[in-house]
C-alpha atoms as a PDB file:
ATOM      1  CA  MET A   1      -0.064   0.269   0.260  1.00  0.00           C
ATOM      2  CA  LYS A   2       1.072   3.624  -0.682  1.00  0.00           C
ATOM      3  CA  SER A   3       1.094   5.909   2.165  1.00  0.00           C
ATOM      4  CA  GLU A   4      -0.260   9.308   1.113  1.00  0.00           C
ATOM      5  CA  SER A   5       0.649  12.300   3.072  1.00  0.00           C
ATOM      6  CA  ILE A   6      -2.193  14.667   3.987  1.00  0.00           C
ATOM      7  CA  THR A   7      -0.894  18.130   4.240  1.00  0.00           C
ATOM      8  CA  SER A   8      -3.052  21.145   5.619  1.00  0.00           C
ATOM      9  CA  SER A   9      -3.615  24.239   3.849  1.00  0.00           C
ATOM     10  CA  ALA A  10      -1.034  25.977   5.631  1.00  0.00           C
ATOM     11  CA  GLU A  11       1.613  23.435   4.692  1.00  0.00           C
ATOM     12  CA  ALA A  12       0.590  23.664   1.165  1.00  0.00           C
ATOM     13  CA  LYS A  13       1.045  27.170   1.113  1.00  0.00           C
ATOM     14  CA  ASN A  14       4.713  27.052   2.226  1.00  0.00           C
ATOM     15  CA  ASP A  15       3.788  27.494   5.841  1.00  0.00           C
ATOM     16  CA  VAL A  16       2.311  30.951   5.671  1.00  0.00           C
ATOM     17  CA  PRO A  17      -0.971  31.198   7.820  1.00  0.00           C
ATOM     18  CA  ARG A  18      -3.457  33.293   6.333  1.00  0.00           C
ATOM     19  CA  LYS A  19      -4.264  36.736   7.881  1.00  0.00           C
ATOM     20  CA  ARG A  20      -7.725  37.505   8.515  1.00  0.00           C
ATOM     21  CA  SER A  21      -8.572  40.786   7.168  1.00  0.00           C
ATOM     22  CA  LYS A  22     -10.909  43.353   8.481  1.00  0.00           C
ATOM     23  CA  ILE A  23     -13.757  44.521   6.274  1.00  0.00           C
ATOM     24  CA  GLN A  24     -12.789  47.786   4.610  1.00  0.00           C
ATOM     25  CA  ARG A  25     -15.765  50.092   4.822  1.00  0.00           C
ATOM     26  CA  ARG A  26     -15.483  53.270   2.794  1.00  0.00           C
ATOM     27  CA  ALA A  27     -16.299  56.508   4.688  1.00  0.00           C
ATOM     28  CA  ASN A  28     -19.763  57.995   3.572  1.00  0.00           C
ATOM     29  CA  PRO A  29     -19.765  61.585   3.915  1.00  0.00           C
ATOM     30  CA  ASP A  30     -23.578  61.672   4.235  1.00  0.00           C
ATOM     31  CA  ALA A  31     -23.608  59.495   7.202  1.00  0.00           C
ATOM     32  CA  LEU A  32     -25.425  60.374  10.468  1.00  0.00           C
ATOM     33  CA  VAL A  33     -22.245  59.784  12.438  1.00  0.00           C
ATOM     34  CA  TRP A  34     -18.649  58.874  11.655  1.00  0.00           C
ATOM     35  CA  THR A  35     -16.216  56.652  13.355  1.00  0.00           C
ATOM     36  CA  VAL A  36     -12.761  58.191  14.209  1.00  0.00           C
ATOM     37  CA  GLU A  37     -11.251  56.351  11.307  1.00  0.00           C
ATOM     38  CA  HIS A  38     -13.683  57.155   8.861  1.00  0.00           C
ATOM     39  CA  THR A  39     -13.257  61.011  10.059  1.00  0.00           C
ATOM     40  CA  CYS A  40      -9.551  60.525   9.399  1.00  0.00           C
ATOM     41  CA  GLN A  41     -10.358  59.066   5.828  1.00  0.00           C
ATOM     42  CA  LEU A  42     -12.614  61.850   5.076  1.00  0.00           C
ATOM     43  CA  THR A  43     -10.756  64.942   6.386  1.00  0.00           C
ATOM     44  CA  GLY A  44      -7.155  63.754   6.321  1.00  0.00           C
ATOM     45  CA  LEU A  45      -6.758  64.375   9.887  1.00  0.00           C
ATOM     46  CA  GLY A  46      -4.642  62.162  12.053  1.00  0.00           C
ATOM     47  CA  ARG A  47      -6.294  60.308  15.220  1.00  0.00           C
ATOM     48  CA  SER A  48      -4.388  62.192  17.789  1.00  0.00           C
ATOM     49  CA  THR A  49      -5.861  65.521  16.451  1.00  0.00           C
ATOM     50  CA  ILE A  50      -9.145  64.249  16.252  1.00  0.00           C
ATOM     51  CA  PHE A  51      -8.959  63.074  19.993  1.00  0.00           C
ATOM     52  CA  GLU A  52      -7.533  66.517  21.090  1.00  0.00           C
ATOM     53  CA  ARG A  53     -10.597  68.339  19.361  1.00  0.00           C
ATOM     54  CA  ILE A  54     -12.786  65.830  20.813  1.00  0.00           C
ATOM     55  CA  LYS A  55     -11.405  66.679  24.558  1.00  0.00           C
ATOM     56  CA  ASP A  56     -11.331  70.579  23.901  1.00  0.00           C
ATOM     57  CA  GLY A  57     -14.782  70.263  22.825  1.00  0.00           C
ATOM     58  CA  SER A  58     -14.124  71.616  19.091  1.00  0.00           C
ATOM     59  CA  ILE A  59     -15.665  68.311  17.749  1.00  0.00           C
ATOM     60  CA  GLU A  60     -18.702  66.806  19.379  1.00  0.00           C
ATOM     61  CA  SER A  61     -18.873  63.011  19.767  1.00  0.00           C
ATOM     62  CA  ARG A  62     -20.745  60.205  21.524  1.00  0.00           C
ATOM     63  CA  LEU A  63     -19.856  56.867  23.050  1.00  0.00           C
ATOM     64  CA  VAL A  64     -22.042  54.331  21.324  1.00  0.00           C
ATOM     65  CA  ASN A  65     -21.675  50.643  22.449  1.00  0.00           C
ATOM     66  CA  GLY A  66     -17.892  51.262  22.929  1.00  0.00           C
ATOM     67  CA  ARG A  67     -17.360  53.134  19.907  1.00  0.00           C
ATOM     68  CA  ARG A  68     -16.472  56.550  19.630  1.00  0.00           C
ATOM     69  CA  MET A  69     -18.876  58.430  17.047  1.00  0.00           C
ATOM     70  CA  LEU A  70     -18.288  61.847  15.802  1.00  0.00           C
ATOM     71  CA  ILE A  71     -21.193  64.181  14.848  1.00  0.00           C
ATOM     72  CA  PRO A  72     -20.541  65.349  10.991  1.00  0.00           C
ATOM     73  CA  PRO A  73     -21.628  68.739  11.642  1.00  0.00           C
ATOM     74  CA  SER A  74     -19.575  69.524  14.328  1.00  0.00           C
ATOM     75  CA  VAL A  75     -16.684  68.253  12.183  1.00  0.00           C
ATOM     76  CA  ARG A  76     -17.519  70.456   9.329  1.00  0.00           C
ATOM     77  CA  ARG A  77     -17.728  73.509  11.693  1.00  0.00           C
ATOM     78  CA  PHE A  78     -14.277  72.747  12.984  1.00  0.00           C
ATOM     79  CA  LEU A  79     -12.891  72.566   9.621  1.00  0.00           C
ATOM     80  CA  GLY A  80     -14.753  75.716   8.517  1.00  0.00           C
ATOM     81  CA  ILE A  81     -16.647  74.148   5.862  1.00  0.00           C
ATOM     82  CA  ALA A  82     -20.211  73.920   7.516  1.00  0.00           C
END
């Protein structure tokens, strides 16, 4: 009898495990609220700048189920495009 070796998918791909990727969502400028990440995408601001503006009250935000959500009109006011 021949002995067949069974290889796992990781072995078949040179022992490189596959990375799980997060679903990349595009930022919608018309959404009612934005996440910090979407705000970064839409405005070009960095996370630290956004959190500084939240802290000083320039940008309004709410905590929803543990996620920081920003209010788009306050972001637009901060940027001077309201």
